[in-house]
Amino acid sequence: GYQQAGRQHFLDRIEHLLKQRYGVESIIREMKPTFAKPAPPGILE
């Protein structure tokens, strides 16, 4: 789960490395309404 500006590029790179080096099938991303609070139940569900 992410929200902060600029994090998209970082997560794209991490996803690429996890798939390339470790064979991770997929990365599931959801955006929180605000980075300062925990994810609401809908995102967790």
All heavy atoms as atom14 arrays in JSON, in Angstrom:
{
  "sequence": "GYQQAGRQHFLDRIEHLLKQRYGVESIIREMKPTFAKPAPPGILE",
  "atom14_mask": [
    [1, 1, 1, 1, 0, 0, 0, 0, 0, 0, 0, 0, 0, 0],
    [1, 1, 1, 1, 1, 1, 1, 1, 1, 1, 1, 1, 0, 0],
    [1, 1, 1, 1, 1, 1, 1, 1, 1, 0, 0, 0, 0, 0],
    [1, 1, 1, 1, 1, 1, 1, 1, 1, 0, 0, 0, 0, 0],
    [1, 1, 1, 1, 1, 0, 0, 0, 0, 0, 0, 0, 0, 0],
    [1, 1, 1, 1, 0, 0, 0, 0, 0, 0, 0, 0, 0, 0],
    [1, 1, 1, 1, 1, 1, 1, 1, 1, 1, 1, 0, 0, 0],
    [1, 1, 1, 1, 1, 1, 1, 1, 1, 0, 0, 0, 0, 0],
    [1, 1, 1, 1, 1, 1, 1, 1, 1, 1, 0, 0, 0, 0],
    [1, 1, 1, 1, 1, 1, 1, 1, 1, 1, 1, 0, 0, 0],
    [1, 1, 1, 1, 1, 1, 1, 1, 0, 0, 0, 0, 0, 0],
    [1, 1, 1, 1, 1, 1, 1, 1, 0, 0, 0, 0, 0, 0],
    [1, 1, 1, 1, 1, 1, 1, 1, 1, 1, 1, 0, 0, 0],
    [1, 1, 1, 1, 1, 1, 1, 1, 0, 0, 0, 0, 0, 0],
    [1, 1, 1, 1, 1, 1, 1, 1, 1, 0, 0, 0, 0, 0],
    [1, 1, 1, 1, 1, 1, 1, 1, 1, 1, 0, 0, 0, 0],
    [1, 1, 1, 1, 1, 1, 1, 1, 0, 0, 0, 0, 0, 0],
    [1, 1, 1, 1, 1, 1, 1, 1, 0, 0, 0, 0, 0, 0],
    [1, 1, 1, 1, 1, 1, 1, 1, 1, 0, 0, 0, 0, 0],
    [1, 1, 1, 1, 1, 1, 1, 1, 1, 0, 0, 0, 0, 0],
    [1, 1, 1, 1, 1, 1, 1, 1, 1, 1, 1, 0, 0, 0],
    [1, 1, 1, 1, 1, 1, 1, 1, 1, 1, 1, 1, 0, 0],
    [1, 1, 1, 1, 0, 0, 0, 0, 0, 0, 0, 0, 0, 0],
    [1, 1, 1, 1, 1, 1, 1, 0, 0, 0, 0, 0, 0, 0],
    [1, 1, 1, 1, 1, 1, 1, 1, 1, 0, 0, 0, 0, 0],
    [1, 1, 1, 1, 1, 1, 0, 0, 0, 0, 0, 0, 0, 0],
    [1, 1, 1, 1, 1, 1, 1, 1, 0, 0, 0, 0, 0, 0],
    [1, 1, 1, 1, 1, 1, 1, 1, 0, 0, 0, 0, 0, 0],
    [1, 1, 1, 1, 1, 1, 1, 1, 1, 1, 1, 0, 0, 0],
    [1, 1, 1, 1, 1, 1, 1, 1, 1, 0, 0, 0, 0, 0],
    [1, 1, 1, 1, 1, 1, 1, 1, 0, 0, 0, 0, 0, 0],
    [1, 1, 1, 1, 1, 1, 1, 1, 1, 0, 0, 0, 0, 0],
    [1, 1, 1, 1, 1, 1, 1, 0, 0, 0, 0, 0, 0, 0],
    [1, 1, 1, 1, 1, 1, 1, 0, 0, 0, 0, 0, 0, 0],
    [1, 1, 1, 1, 1, 1, 1, 1, 1, 1, 1, 0, 0, 0],
    [1, 1, 1, 1, 1, 0, 0, 0, 0, 0, 0, 0, 0, 0],
    [1, 1, 1, 1, 1, 1, 1, 1, 1, 0, 0, 0, 0, 0],
    [1, 1, 1, 1, 1, 1, 1, 0, 0, 0, 0, 0, 0, 0],
    [1, 1, 1, 1, 1, 0, 0, 0, 0, 0, 0, 0, 0, 0],
    [1, 1, 1, 1, 1, 1, 1, 0, 0, 0, 0, 0, 0, 0],
    [1, 1, 1, 1, 1, 1, 1, 0, 0, 0, 0, 0, 0, 0],
    [1, 1, 1, 1, 0, 0, 0, 0, 0, 0, 0, 0, 0, 0],
    [1, 1, 1, 1, 1, 1, 1, 1, 0, 0, 0, 0, 0, 0],
    [1, 1, 1, 1, 1, 1, 1, 1, 0, 0, 0, 0, 0, 0],
    [1, 1, 1, 1, 1, 1, 1, 1, 1, 0, 0, 0, 0, 0]
  ],
  "atom14_positions": [
    [[0.86, -1.17, 0.0], [0.0, 0.0, 0.0], [0.9, 1.23, 0.0], [1.89, 1.24, 0.7], [0.0, 0.0, 0.0], [0.0, 0.0, 0.0], [0.0, 0.0, 0.0], [0.0, 0.0, 0.0], [0.0, 0.0, 0.0], [0.0, 0.0, 0.0], [0.0, 0.0, 0.0], [0.0, 0.0, 0.0], [0.0, 0.0, 0.0], [0.0, 0.0, 0.0]],
    [[0.57, 2.22, -0.79], [1.45, 3.38, -0.89], [0.64, 4.64, -1.13], [-0.52, 4.59, -1.51], [2.49, 3.19, -2.0], [1.88, 3.05, -3.38], [1.75, 4.15, -4.2], [1.43, 1.83, -3.83], [1.19, 4.03, -5.45], [0.87, 1.7, -5.08], [0.77, 2.81, -5.89], [0.2, 2.69, -7.12], [0.0, 0.0, 0.0], [0.0, 0.0, 0.0]],
    [[1.25, 5.8, -0.93], [0.57, 7.05, -1.18], [1.55, 8.18, -1.48], [1.26, 9.05, -2.27], [-0.28, 7.44, 0.03], [-0.9, 8.83, -0.02], [-1.88, 9.03, -1.15], [-2.55, 8.08, -1.54], [-1.96, 10.21, -1.7], [0.0, 0.0, 0.0], [0.0, 0.0, 0.0], [0.0, 0.0, 0.0], [0.0, 0.0, 0.0], [0.0, 0.0, 0.0]],
    [[2.71, 8.19, -0.87], [3.59, 9.34, -0.99], [4.07, 9.58, -2.42], [4.29, 8.64, -3.18], [4.81, 9.17, -0.09], [4.44, 9.25, 1.37], [5.62, 8.95, 2.27], [6.21, 7.9, 2.15], [5.93, 9.87, 3.14], [0.0, 0.0, 0.0], [0.0, 0.0, 0.0], [0.0, 0.0, 0.0], [0.0, 0.0, 0.0], [0.0, 0.0, 0.0]],
    [[4.24, 10.86, -2.75], [4.71, 11.24, -4.07], [6.11, 10.68, -4.31], [6.93, 10.64, -3.41], [4.72, 12.75, -4.19], [0.0, 0.0, 0.0], [0.0, 0.0, 0.0], [0.0, 0.0, 0.0], [0.0, 0.0, 0.0], [0.0, 0.0, 0.0], [0.0, 0.0, 0.0], [0.0, 0.0, 0.0], [0.0, 0.0, 0.0], [0.0, 0.0, 0.0]],
    [[6.36, 10.22, -5.52], [7.68, 9.71, -5.87], [7.89, 8.26, -5.53], [8.88, 7.66, -5.93], [0.0, 0.0, 0.0], [0.0, 0.0, 0.0], [0.0, 0.0, 0.0], [0.0, 0.0, 0.0], [0.0, 0.0, 0.0], [0.0, 0.0, 0.0], [0.0, 0.0, 0.0], [0.0, 0.0, 0.0], [0.0, 0.0, 0.0], [0.0, 0.0, 0.0]],
    [[7.0, 7.65, -4.79], [7.18, 6.26, -4.4], [6.9, 5.31, -5.56], [7.39, 4.2, -5.59], [6.29, 5.94, -3.21], [6.61, 4.57, -2.63], [5.96, 4.33, -1.33], [6.62, 5.12, -0.32], [6.29, 5.11, 0.94], [5.31, 4.35, 1.35], [6.91, 5.84, 1.83], [0.0, 0.0, 0.0], [0.0, 0.0, 0.0], [0.0, 0.0, 0.0]],
    [[6.12, 5.74, -6.52], [5.76, 4.89, -7.65], [7.0, 4.35, -8.36], [7.1, 3.18, -8.66], [4.87, 5.67, -8.62], [4.42, 4.88, -9.82], [3.4, 3.82, -9.47], [2.62, 3.98, -8.55], [3.42, 2.72, -10.2], [0.0, 0.0, 0.0], [0.0, 0.0, 0.0], [0.0, 0.0, 0.0], [0.0, 0.0, 0.0], [0.0, 0.0, 0.0]],
    [[7.97, 5.21, -8.63], [9.19, 4.8, -9.33], [9.99, 3.79, -8.51], [10.53, 2.82, -9.05], [10.05, 6.01, -9.68], [9.33, 7.01, -10.53], [8.98, 6.75, -11.83], [8.87, 8.25, -10.26], [8.35, 7.79, -12.33], [8.27, 8.71, -11.4], [0.0, 0.0, 0.0], [0.0, 0.0, 0.0], [0.0, 0.0, 0.0], [0.0, 0.0, 0.0]],
    [[10.07, 4.03, -7.22], [10.78, 3.12, -6.32], [10.11, 1.74, -6.33], [10.78, 0.71, -6.47], [10.8, 3.69, -4.91], [11.34, 2.77, -3.88], [12.71, 2.51, -3.79], [10.49, 2.13, -2.99], [13.21, 1.64, -2.83], [10.98, 1.27, -2.02], [12.35, 1.02, -1.95], [0.0, 0.0, 0.0], [0.0, 0.0, 0.0], [0.0, 0.0, 0.0]],
    [[8.78, 1.72, -6.22], [8.06, 0.45, -6.2], [8.14, -0.27, -7.55], [8.17, -1.5, -7.59], [6.61, 0.67, -5.78], [6.43, 1.1, -4.32], [4.97, 1.41, -4.04], [6.96, 0.07, -3.36], [0.0, 0.0, 0.0], [0.0, 0.0, 0.0], [0.0, 0.0, 0.0], [0.0, 0.0, 0.0], [0.0, 0.0, 0.0], [0.0, 0.0, 0.0]],
    [[8.15, 0.5, -8.64], [8.33, -0.12, -9.97], [9.66, -0.87, -10.01], [9.74, -1.99, -10.52], [8.3, 0.94, -11.07], [6.93, 1.52, -11.31], [5.93, 0.93, -10.84], [6.85, 2.58, -11.96], [0.0, 0.0, 0.0], [0.0, 0.0, 0.0], [0.0, 0.0, 0.0], [0.0, 0.0, 0.0], [0.0, 0.0, 0.0], [0.0, 0.0, 0.0]],
    [[10.71, -0.26, -9.49], [12.04, -0.88, -9.5], [12.08, -2.11, -8.6], [12.62, -3.15, -8.98], [13.09, 0.14, -9.05], [14.5, -0.39, -9.07], [14.98, -0.65, -10.47], [16.36, -1.12, -10.42], [16.88, -1.96, -11.26], [16.17, -2.42, -12.27], [18.12, -2.34, -11.14], [0.0, 0.0, 0.0], [0.0, 0.0, 0.0], [0.0, 0.0, 0.0]],
    [[11.49, -2.01, -7.42], [11.44, -3.15, -6.5], [10.68, -4.3, -7.15], [11.09, -5.46, -7.09], [10.81, -2.76, -5.15], [11.69, -1.75, -4.41], [10.51, -3.97, -4.29], [13.03, -2.28, -3.99], [0.0, 0.0, 0.0], [0.0, 0.0, 0.0], [0.0, 0.0, 0.0], [0.0, 0.0, 0.0], [0.0, 0.0, 0.0], [0.0, 0.0, 0.0]],
    [[9.54, -3.99, -7.79], [8.76, -5.02, -8.47], [9.59, -5.7, -9.55], [9.61, -6.93, -9.65], [7.49, -4.42, -9.07], [6.64, -5.43, -9.8], [5.34, -4.85, -10.31], [5.01, -3.69, -9.99], [4.64, -5.58, -11.03], [0.0, 0.0, 0.0], [0.0, 0.0, 0.0], [0.0, 0.0, 0.0], [0.0, 0.0, 0.0], [0.0, 0.0, 0.0]],
    [[10.28, -4.92, -10.36], [11.13, -5.47, -11.41], [12.18, -6.42, -10.83], [12.36, -7.54, -11.33], [11.8, -4.33, -12.18], [12.81, -4.79, -13.17], [12.47, -5.34, -14.38], [14.16, -4.8, -13.11], [13.57, -5.67, -15.02], [14.62, -5.34, -14.27], [0.0, 0.0, 0.0], [0.0, 0.0, 0.0], [0.0, 0.0, 0.0], [0.0, 0.0, 0.0]],
    [[12.86, -5.99, -9.77], [13.9, -6.82, -9.17], [13.34, -8.1, -8.55], [13.93, -9.17, -8.67], [14.68, -6.02, -8.12], [15.54, -4.89, -8.66], [16.11, -4.05, -7.52], [16.65, -5.43, -9.54], [0.0, 0.0, 0.0], [0.0, 0.0, 0.0], [0.0, 0.0, 0.0], [0.0, 0.0, 0.0], [0.0, 0.0, 0.0], [0.0, 0.0, 0.0]],
    [[12.2, -8.0, -7.87], [11.6, -9.2, -7.27], [11.2, -10.22, -8.33], [11.38, -11.42, -8.15], [10.39, -8.82, -6.42], [10.7, -8.15, -5.08], [9.41, -7.63, -4.43], [11.4, -9.11, -4.15], [0.0, 0.0, 0.0], [0.0, 0.0, 0.0], [0.0, 0.0, 0.0], [0.0, 0.0, 0.0], [0.0, 0.0, 0.0], [0.0, 0.0, 0.0]],
    [[10.66, -9.74, -9.44], [10.27, -10.66, -10.52], [11.49, -11.24, -11.21], [11.55, -12.45, -11.47], [9.38, -9.92, -11.53], [7.99, -9.64, -11.01], [7.18, -8.9, -12.05], [5.75, -8.71, -11.59], [4.94, -8.0, -12.59], [0.0, 0.0, 0.0], [0.0, 0.0, 0.0], [0.0, 0.0, 0.0], [0.0, 0.0, 0.0], [0.0, 0.0, 0.0]],
    [[12.47, -10.39, -11.51], [13.65, -10.82, -12.25], [14.55, -11.74, -11.42], [14.96, -12.81, -11.89], [14.44, -9.59, -12.69], [15.7, -9.91, -13.47], [16.51, -8.66, -13.75], [16.64, -7.8, -12.89], [17.03, -8.56, -14.96], [0.0, 0.0, 0.0], [0.0, 0.0, 0.0], [0.0, 0.0, 0.0], [0.0, 0.0, 0.0], [0.0, 0.0, 0.0]],
    [[14.87, -11.36, -10.21], [15.83, -12.11, -9.4], [15.23, -13.26, -8.61], [15.89, -14.26, -8.36], [16.53, -11.17, -8.41], [17.43, -10.16, -9.06], [18.15, -9.36, -8.02], [18.92, -8.29, -8.62], [19.6, -7.39, -7.94], [19.59, -7.42, -6.63], [20.27, -6.45, -8.56], [0.0, 0.0, 0.0], [0.0, 0.0, 0.0], [0.0, 0.0, 0.0]],
    [[13.98, -13.11, -8.18], [13.42, -14.09, -7.24], [12.19, -14.81, -7.76], [11.62, -15.63, -7.05], [13.1, -13.41, -5.91], [14.32, -12.77, -5.29], [14.51, -11.4, -5.34], [15.3, -13.55, -4.68], [15.64, -10.81, -4.78], [16.43, -12.98, -4.12], [16.6, -11.61, -4.18], [17.72, -11.04, -3.64], [0.0, 0.0, 0.0], [0.0, 0.0, 0.0]],
    [[11.74, -14.51, -8.97], [10.61, -15.24, -9.55], [9.27, -14.92, -8.93], [8.34, -15.73, -9.01], [0.0, 0.0, 0.0], [0.0, 0.0, 0.0], [0.0, 0.0, 0.0], [0.0, 0.0, 0.0], [0.0, 0.0, 0.0], [0.0, 0.0, 0.0], [0.0, 0.0, 0.0], [0.0, 0.0, 0.0], [0.0, 0.0, 0.0], [0.0, 0.0, 0.0]],
    [[9.13, -13.75, -8.32], [7.83, -13.36, -7.75], [6.82, -13.27, -8.89], [7.1, -12.7, -9.95], [7.94, -12.01, -7.01], [6.58, -11.47, -6.63], [8.79, -12.19, -5.76], [0.0, 0.0, 0.0], [0.0, 0.0, 0.0], [0.0, 0.0, 0.0], [0.0, 0.0, 0.0], [0.0, 0.0, 0.0], [0.0, 0.0, 0.0], [0.0, 0.0, 0.0]],
    [[5.64, -13.85, -8.68], [4.62, -13.89, -9.72], [4.03, -12.52, -10.0], [3.92, -12.09, -11.14], [3.5, -14.85, -9.3], [2.36, -14.93, -10.29], [1.24, -15.8, -9.78], [1.51, -16.89, -9.26], [0.08, -15.38, -9.91], [0.0, 0.0, 0.0], [0.0, 0.0, 0.0], [0.0, 0.0, 0.0], [0.0, 0.0, 0.0], [0.0, 0.0, 0.0]],
    [[3.6, -11.82, -8.96], [2.98, -10.52, -9.15], [3.07, -9.69, -7.87], [3.28, -10.21, -6.79], [1.51, -10.67, -9.56], [0.77, -11.28, -8.52], [0.0, 0.0, 0.0], [0.0, 0.0, 0.0], [0.0, 0.0, 0.0], [0.0, 0.0, 0.0], [0.0, 0.0, 0.0], [0.0, 0.0, 0.0], [0.0, 0.0, 0.0], [0.0, 0.0, 0.0]],
    [[2.9, -8.39, -8.06], [2.84, -7.44, -6.95], [1.47, -6.8, -7.0], [1.05, -6.29, -8.04], [3.92, -6.34, -7.08], [5.31, -6.94, -7.24], [3.85, -5.37, -5.91], [5.87, -7.61, -6.02], [0.0, 0.0, 0.0], [0.0, 0.0, 0.0], [0.0, 0.0, 0.0], [0.0, 0.0, 0.0], [0.0, 0.0, 0.0], [0.0, 0.0, 0.0]],
    [[0.76, -6.83, -5.9], [-0.57, -6.23, -5.83], [-0.43, -4.89, -5.14], [0.07, -4.81, -4.02], [-1.54, -7.15, -5.05], [-1.64, -8.5, -5.74], [-2.9, -6.49, -4.91], [-2.34, -9.55, -4.91], [0.0, 0.0, 0.0], [0.0, 0.0, 0.0], [0.0, 0.0, 0.0], [0.0, 0.0, 0.0], [0.0, 0.0, 0.0], [0.0, 0.0, 0.0]],
    [[-0.85, -3.82, -5.79], [-0.73, -2.47, -5.22], [-2.09, -1.86, -5.0], [-2.98, -1.98, -5.83], [0.06, -1.57, -6.16], [1.48, -2.0, -6.37], [2.2, -0.93, -7.15], [3.47, -1.42, -7.63], [4.3, -0.7, -8.35], [3.98, 0.53, -8.68], [5.44, -1.21, -8.76], [0.0, 0.0, 0.0], [0.0, 0.0, 0.0], [0.0, 0.0, 0.0]],
    [[-2.23, -1.18, -3.89], [-3.42, -0.4, -3.57], [-2.97, 0.93, -2.99], [-1.98, 0.98, -2.27], [-4.31, -1.12, -2.55], [-5.04, -2.32, -3.09], [-6.12, -1.97, -4.08], [-6.63, -0.83, -4.07], [-6.47, -2.86, -4.87], [0.0, 0.0, 0.0], [0.0, 0.0, 0.0], [0.0, 0.0, 0.0], [0.0, 0.0, 0.0], [0.0, 0.0, 0.0]],
    [[-3.67, 1.99, -3.3], [-3.3, 3.31, -2.8], [-4.17, 3.68, -1.59], [-5.39, 3.58, -1.65], [-3.46, 4.36, -3.88], [-2.94, 5.72, -3.46], [-2.98, 6.93, -4.79], [-1.65, 6.33, -5.79], [0.0, 0.0, 0.0], [0.0, 0.0, 0.0], [0.0, 0.0, 0.0], [0.0, 0.0, 0.0], [0.0, 0.0, 0.0], [0.0, 0.0, 0.0]],
    [[-3.5, 4.06, -0.51], [-4.21, 4.53, 0.68], [-4.65, 5.97, 0.46], [-4.0, 6.71, -0.26], [-3.3, 4.47, 1.92], [-2.81, 3.1, 2.26], [-2.05, 3.0, 3.56], [-1.19, 4.16, 3.94], [-0.49, 3.99, 5.2], [0.0, 0.0, 0.0], [0.0, 0.0, 0.0], [0.0, 0.0, 0.0], [0.0, 0.0, 0.0], [0.0, 0.0, 0.0]],
    [[-5.74, 6.39, 1.12], [-6.19, 7.77, 0.99], [-5.17, 8.77, 1.52], [-5.05, 9.87, 1.02], [-7.48, 7.84, 1.79], [-7.86, 6.44, 2.09], [-6.67, 5.58, 1.89], [0.0, 0.0, 0.0], [0.0, 0.0, 0.0], [0.0, 0.0, 0.0], [0.0, 0.0, 0.0], [0.0, 0.0, 0.0], [0.0, 0.0, 0.0], [0.0, 0.0, 0.0]],
    [[-4.42, 8.4, 2.55], [-3.4, 9.26, 3.11], [-2.29, 8.39, 3.7], [-2.56, 7.34, 4.25], [-3.95, 10.21, 4.19], [-2.88, 10.95, 4.76], [-4.68, 9.47, 5.28], [0.0, 0.0, 0.0], [0.0, 0.0, 0.0], [0.0, 0.0, 0.0], [0.0, 0.0, 0.0], [0.0, 0.0, 0.0], [0.0, 0.0, 0.0], [0.0, 0.0, 0.0]],
    [[-1.05, 8.84, 3.57], [0.07, 8.04, 4.08], [0.17, 8.1, 5.59], [0.82, 7.28, 6.2], [1.39, 8.49, 3.44], [1.87, 9.83, 3.9], [2.72, 9.93, 5.0], [1.48, 10.99, 3.25], [3.17, 11.17, 5.42], [1.92, 12.22, 3.67], [2.77, 12.32, 4.77], [0.0, 0.0, 0.0], [0.0, 0.0, 0.0], [0.0, 0.0, 0.0]],
    [[-0.48, 9.08, 6.22], [-0.33, 9.29, 7.66], [-1.2, 8.37, 8.5], [-1.06, 8.34, 9.72], [-0.63, 10.74, 8.0], [0.0, 0.0, 0.0], [0.0, 0.0, 0.0], [0.0, 0.0, 0.0], [0.0, 0.0, 0.0], [0.0, 0.0, 0.0], [0.0, 0.0, 0.0], [0.0, 0.0, 0.0], [0.0, 0.0, 0.0], [0.0, 0.0, 0.0]],
    [[-2.1, 7.64, 7.88], [-3.03, 6.77, 8.63], [-2.93, 5.34, 8.12], [-2.53, 5.11, 6.98], [-4.46, 7.28, 8.46], [-4.69, 8.64, 9.06], [-6.13, 9.05, 8.88], [-6.37, 10.44, 9.46], [-7.75, 10.88, 9.25], [0.0, 0.0, 0.0], [0.0, 0.0, 0.0], [0.0, 0.0, 0.0], [0.0, 0.0, 0.0], [0.0, 0.0, 0.0]],
    [[-3.34, 4.38, 8.95], [-3.37, 2.99, 8.48], [-4.35, 2.82, 7.32], [-5.26, 3.62, 7.13], [-3.84, 2.2, 9.71], [-3.63, 3.1, 10.87], [-3.72, 4.51, 10.35], [0.0, 0.0, 0.0], [0.0, 0.0, 0.0], [0.0, 0.0, 0.0], [0.0, 0.0, 0.0], [0.0, 0.0, 0.0], [0.0, 0.0, 0.0], [0.0, 0.0, 0.0]],
    [[-4.16, 1.76, 6.57], [-5.06, 1.48, 5.45], [-6.46, 1.2, 5.97], [-6.63, 0.51, 6.98], [-4.55, 0.27, 4.67], [0.0, 0.0, 0.0], [0.0, 0.0, 0.0], [0.0, 0.0, 0.0], [0.0, 0.0, 0.0], [0.0, 0.0, 0.0], [0.0, 0.0, 0.0], [0.0, 0.0, 0.0], [0.0, 0.0, 0.0], [0.0, 0.0, 0.0]],
    [[-7.49, 1.75, 5.32], [-8.86, 1.47, 5.73], [-9.23, 0.02, 5.46], [-8.59, -0.66, 4.64], [-9.69, 2.43, 4.87], [-8.83, 2.82, 3.74], [-7.42, 2.67, 4.19], [0.0, 0.0, 0.0], [0.0, 0.0, 0.0], [0.0, 0.0, 0.0], [0.0, 0.0, 0.0], [0.0, 0.0, 0.0], [0.0, 0.0, 0.0], [0.0, 0.0, 0.0]],
    [[-10.25, -0.49, 6.14], [-10.63, -1.9, 5.99], [-10.89, -2.32, 4.54], [-10.58, -3.43, 4.16], [-11.91, -2.02, 6.82], [-11.8, -0.92, 7.83], [-11.07, 0.2, 7.14], [0.0, 0.0, 0.0], [0.0, 0.0, 0.0], [0.0, 0.0, 0.0], [0.0, 0.0, 0.0], [0.0, 0.0, 0.0], [0.0, 0.0, 0.0], [0.0, 0.0, 0.0]],
    [[-11.42, -1.44, 3.71], [-11.7, -1.8, 2.31], [-10.45, -2.23, 1.56], [-10.47, -3.19, 0.79], [0.0, 0.0, 0.0], [0.0, 0.0, 0.0], [0.0, 0.0, 0.0], [0.0, 0.0, 0.0], [0.0, 0.0, 0.0], [0.0, 0.0, 0.0], [0.0, 0.0, 0.0], [0.0, 0.0, 0.0], [0.0, 0.0, 0.0], [0.0, 0.0, 0.0]],
    [[-9.35, -1.53, 1.77], [-8.09, -1.88, 1.1], [-7.56, -3.19, 1.64], [-7.1, -4.05, 0.89], [-7.06, -0.75, 1.27], [-7.47, 0.45, 0.43], [-5.66, -1.23, 0.89], [-6.56, 1.65, 0.54], [0.0, 0.0, 0.0], [0.0, 0.0, 0.0], [0.0, 0.0, 0.0], [0.0, 0.0, 0.0], [0.0, 0.0, 0.0], [0.0, 0.0, 0.0]],
    [[-7.65, -3.38, 2.94], [-7.18, -4.63, 3.53], [-8.0, -5.81, 3.03], [-7.47, -6.89, 2.78], [-7.22, -4.54, 5.06], [-6.34, -3.44, 5.67], [-6.53, -3.4, 7.19], [-4.89, -3.64, 5.31], [0.0, 0.0, 0.0], [0.0, 0.0, 0.0], [0.0, 0.0, 0.0], [0.0, 0.0, 0.0], [0.0, 0.0, 0.0], [0.0, 0.0, 0.0]],
    [[-9.3, -5.61, 2.84], [-10.16, -6.68, 2.32], [-9.79, -7.01, 0.86], [-9.8, -8.16, 0.46], [-11.63, -6.26, 2.42], [-12.11, -6.24, 3.86], [-13.46, -5.53, 4.01], [-14.06, -5.11, 3.0], [-13.88, -5.38, 5.18], [0.0, 0.0, 0.0], [0.0, 0.0, 0.0], [0.0, 0.0, 0.0], [0.0, 0.0, 0.0], [0.0, 0.0, 0.0]]
  ]
}
